[in-house]
Amino acid sequence: MNLIVMINTKLKSFLHRVGLLMVVLLALGFILVFFIIPIVSHYNLMKPEKTFIPAGYTGDVKVYLDSPDGEEKEFLNGYRVLRIPHSGILYTQFRPNMGSQFTDRPRKLFYYYSKCDTMKLRTIYHCIDLEPKDSLTRDEIVVSGFGVGKTQTDQVVEFYKVDSLWKVFDKCIHWIERKIEQEVQ
């Protein structure tokens, strides 16, 4: 019992000297610094970006990021600019553009055919993104199949596909069929 009385007395003395308000502020500061700021900043890191793809190009695109010998960083009106060569493979000095795939990508990443931003390509992040009201033709070129990985040397690489809507849907249908087959087995 003496131990409890002693701890209680010391705690009251501490609170009296420092003040209850200071303890509450320290606790809130701790929560802010170690929990809220990292979570919020993770979703706000993505910078606006325009990717220019050679006119008429279809196929896989790979962007190797943080490459010391890669293309120098280019900016245009506040946007990061990536210019994909005819090979579909770009090495750039840009660091990975982090952010939420679901909230940031549709608002901050744009893909275009050619060197100017007049021929914007539609981006499809998931097969279920399309709705009947979308006015797309089967031959319309779209950007889809986004992914991020690492090479054996830990270099970050982004990859996606530029292809006709028909081919993208065909791949989606095959993917769904494989998923159904796996679930049945």
Protein backbone atom coordinates (compact mmCIF):
# COMPACT_ATOMS: atom_id res chain seq x y z
CA MET A 1 0.00 0.00 0.00
CA ASN A 2 2.89 2.37 0.77
CA LEU A 3 4.19 1.85 -2.77
CA ILE A 4 0.85 2.94 -4.28
CA VAL A 5 0.72 6.00 -2.02
CA MET A 6 4.31 6.89 -2.94
CA ILE A 7 3.63 6.53 -6.72
CA ASN A 8 0.41 8.53 -6.40
CA THR A 9 2.20 11.30 -4.50
CA LYS A 10 5.03 11.44 -7.06
CA LEU A 11 2.54 11.44 -9.93
CA LYS A 12 0.57 14.32 -8.38
CA SER A 13 3.80 16.21 -7.81
CA PHE A 14 4.83 15.64 -11.42
CA LEU A 15 1.47 16.76 -12.78
CA HIS A 16 1.54 19.78 -10.53
CA ARG A 17 4.99 20.81 -11.74
CA VAL A 18 4.51 20.13 -15.44
CA GLY A 19 0.82 20.71 -15.64
CA LEU A 20 -1.90 18.56 -17.02
CA LEU A 21 -2.14 20.68 -20.16
CA MET A 22 1.50 20.02 -21.02
CA VAL A 23 1.02 16.27 -20.70
CA VAL A 24 -2.03 16.38 -22.96
CA LEU A 25 -0.16 18.49 -25.54
CA LEU A 26 2.78 16.09 -25.49
CA ALA A 27 0.46 13.14 -26.01
CA LEU A 28 -1.30 14.86 -28.92
CA GLY A 29 2.03 15.85 -30.43
CA PHE A 30 3.23 12.26 -30.19
CA ILE A 31 0.10 10.99 -31.93
CA LEU A 32 0.36 13.68 -34.62
CA VAL A 33 4.05 13.10 -35.38
CA PHE A 34 4.10 9.32 -35.31
CA PHE A 35 0.66 8.40 -36.64
CA ILE A 36 -1.33 11.09 -38.43
CA ILE A 37 1.37 12.89 -40.44
CA PRO A 38 2.92 9.71 -41.92
CA ILE A 39 -0.50 8.36 -42.92
CA VAL A 40 -1.71 11.61 -44.47
CA SER A 41 1.58 12.41 -46.21
CA HIS A 42 1.66 8.94 -47.78
CA TYR A 43 -1.47 9.77 -49.74
CA ASN A 44 -0.36 13.26 -50.73
CA LEU A 45 3.07 12.48 -52.15
CA MET A 46 2.02 11.82 -55.74
CA LYS A 47 3.01 14.66 -58.06
CA PRO A 48 1.03 15.48 -61.21
CA GLU A 49 2.57 13.69 -64.17
CA LYS A 50 2.16 13.65 -67.96
CA THR A 51 3.48 10.70 -69.93
CA PHE A 52 3.97 11.10 -73.68
CA ILE A 53 3.86 7.89 -75.69
CA PRO A 54 4.93 7.80 -79.36
CA ALA A 55 1.91 8.22 -81.65
CA GLY A 56 0.64 4.85 -82.83
CA TYR A 57 2.59 2.86 -80.23
CA THR A 58 0.91 -0.22 -78.75
CA GLY A 59 2.53 -2.71 -76.42
CA ASP A 60 4.19 -2.90 -73.05
CA VAL A 61 5.73 0.15 -71.39
CA LYS A 62 8.37 -0.09 -68.69
CA VAL A 63 9.66 2.92 -66.76
CA TYR A 64 12.81 2.33 -64.69
CA LEU A 65 12.88 4.97 -61.97
CA ASP A 66 15.74 6.53 -60.04
CA SER A 67 18.25 5.60 -62.77
CA PRO A 68 21.43 7.70 -62.37
CA ASP A 69 22.19 7.44 -66.13
CA GLY A 70 18.53 7.82 -67.14
CA GLU A 71 16.81 10.74 -68.82
CA GLU A 72 17.06 13.95 -66.84
CA LYS A 73 14.03 15.19 -64.96
CA GLU A 74 11.74 17.33 -67.08
CA PHE A 75 8.87 19.53 -65.86
CA LEU A 76 6.11 21.25 -67.81
CA ASN A 77 3.68 23.65 -66.10
CA GLY A 78 4.08 21.90 -62.74
CA TYR A 79 3.85 18.37 -64.17
CA ARG A 80 6.56 15.73 -64.14
CA VAL A 81 7.09 14.77 -67.79
CA LEU A 82 7.99 11.28 -68.98
CA ARG A 83 8.69 10.75 -72.68
CA ILE A 84 8.48 7.09 -73.61
CA PRO A 85 10.79 6.15 -76.52
CA HIS A 86 9.67 3.93 -79.43
CA SER A 87 11.15 0.91 -77.63
CA GLY A 88 8.59 1.33 -74.82
CA ILE A 89 11.37 1.31 -72.22
CA LEU A 90 12.36 4.49 -70.37
CA TYR A 91 15.12 4.99 -67.85
CA THR A 92 14.58 8.18 -65.86
CA GLN A 93 16.19 10.00 -62.96
CA PHE A 94 12.76 10.65 -61.40
CA ARG A 95 12.14 8.93 -58.10
CA PRO A 96 9.00 6.78 -57.78
CA ASN A 97 5.80 8.84 -57.77
CA MET A 98 4.13 7.49 -54.63
CA GLY A 99 0.49 7.86 -53.71
CA SER A 100 -2.81 6.07 -53.59
CA GLN A 101 -3.72 4.12 -56.72
CA PHE A 102 -7.40 4.73 -56.15
CA THR A 103 -7.47 8.42 -55.22
CA ASP A 104 -4.31 9.96 -56.72
CA ARG A 105 -3.74 8.14 -60.00
CA PRO A 106 -6.98 9.17 -61.75
CA ARG A 107 -6.48 12.81 -60.74
CA LYS A 108 -2.74 13.22 -61.22
CA LEU A 109 -1.45 10.88 -63.95
CA PHE A 110 -2.21 11.56 -67.61
CA TYR A 111 -1.10 9.71 -70.74
CA TYR A 112 -0.90 11.18 -74.26
CA TYR A 113 0.03 10.12 -77.76
CA SER A 114 2.72 12.31 -79.37
CA LYS A 115 4.77 15.18 -77.95
CA CYS A 116 1.93 17.52 -77.06
CA ASP A 117 -0.99 17.07 -74.73
CA THR A 118 -3.72 17.11 -77.36
CA MET A 119 -4.32 13.36 -77.80
CA LYS A 120 -5.14 12.20 -74.29
CA LEU A 121 -5.43 8.43 -73.84
CA ARG A 122 -8.10 6.91 -71.60
CA THR A 123 -6.75 5.11 -68.55
CA ILE A 124 -8.40 1.94 -67.27
CA TYR A 125 -7.20 0.84 -63.87
CA HIS A 126 -9.54 -2.13 -63.55
CA CYS A 127 -11.90 -3.91 -65.95
CA ILE A 128 -14.81 -2.94 -63.74
CA ASP A 129 -14.03 0.78 -64.17
CA LEU A 130 -15.91 0.94 -67.45
CA GLU A 131 -19.63 1.61 -67.50
CA PRO A 132 -22.12 1.27 -70.35
CA LYS A 133 -22.41 5.07 -70.53
CA ASP A 134 -18.71 5.35 -71.48
CA SER A 135 -18.50 6.11 -75.18
CA LEU A 136 -15.59 3.96 -76.27
CA THR A 137 -14.99 2.14 -79.50
CA ARG A 138 -13.43 -1.30 -79.52
CA ASP A 139 -10.36 0.02 -81.38
CA GLU A 140 -9.79 2.99 -79.07
CA ILE A 141 -6.29 2.92 -77.58
CA VAL A 142 -6.22 2.84 -73.79
CA VAL A 143 -3.60 2.59 -71.05
CA SER A 144 -4.16 -0.25 -68.59
CA GLY A 145 -2.60 -3.06 -66.58
CA PHE A 146 -0.63 -0.90 -64.17
CA GLY A 147 1.95 -2.46 -61.89
CA VAL A 148 5.08 -1.68 -59.92
CA GLY A 149 7.95 -4.02 -59.20
CA LYS A 150 11.65 -4.15 -58.41
CA THR A 151 14.58 -5.45 -60.39
CA GLN A 152 17.25 -7.72 -58.93
CA THR A 153 19.22 -4.59 -58.05
CA ASP A 154 16.21 -3.11 -56.18
CA GLN A 155 15.48 -0.55 -58.88
CA VAL A 156 11.79 0.38 -59.02
CA VAL A 157 10.06 -0.25 -62.35
CA GLU A 158 6.54 0.75 -63.34
CA PHE A 159 4.86 -1.13 -66.14
CA TYR A 160 1.62 -0.88 -68.06
CA LYS A 161 0.12 -1.68 -71.43
CA VAL A 162 -0.96 0.57 -74.27
CA ASP A 163 -3.42 -1.28 -76.46
CA SER A 164 -6.88 -1.28 -78.03
CA LEU A 165 -9.86 -1.49 -75.74
CA TRP A 166 -10.83 -4.78 -77.39
CA LYS A 167 -7.50 -6.42 -76.48
CA VAL A 168 -7.67 -5.05 -72.93
CA PHE A 169 -11.19 -6.47 -72.48
CA ASP A 170 -10.11 -9.77 -73.99
CA LYS A 171 -7.34 -10.02 -71.38
CA CYS A 172 -9.81 -9.06 -68.62
CA ILE A 173 -12.22 -11.78 -69.72
CA HIS A 174 -9.42 -14.38 -69.71
CA TRP A 175 -8.30 -13.21 -66.27
CA ILE A 176 -11.86 -13.52 -64.91
CA GLU A 177 -12.25 -16.98 -66.48
CA ARG A 178 -8.98 -18.15 -64.84
CA LYS A 179 -10.14 -16.80 -61.46
CA ILE A 180 -13.45 -18.65 -61.76
CA GLU A 181 -11.65 -21.88 -62.73
CA GLN A 182 -9.32 -21.55 -59.72
CA GLU A 183 -12.25 -21.04 -57.35
CA VAL A 184 -14.11 -24.06 -58.76
CA GLN A 185 -11.12 -26.37 -58.25
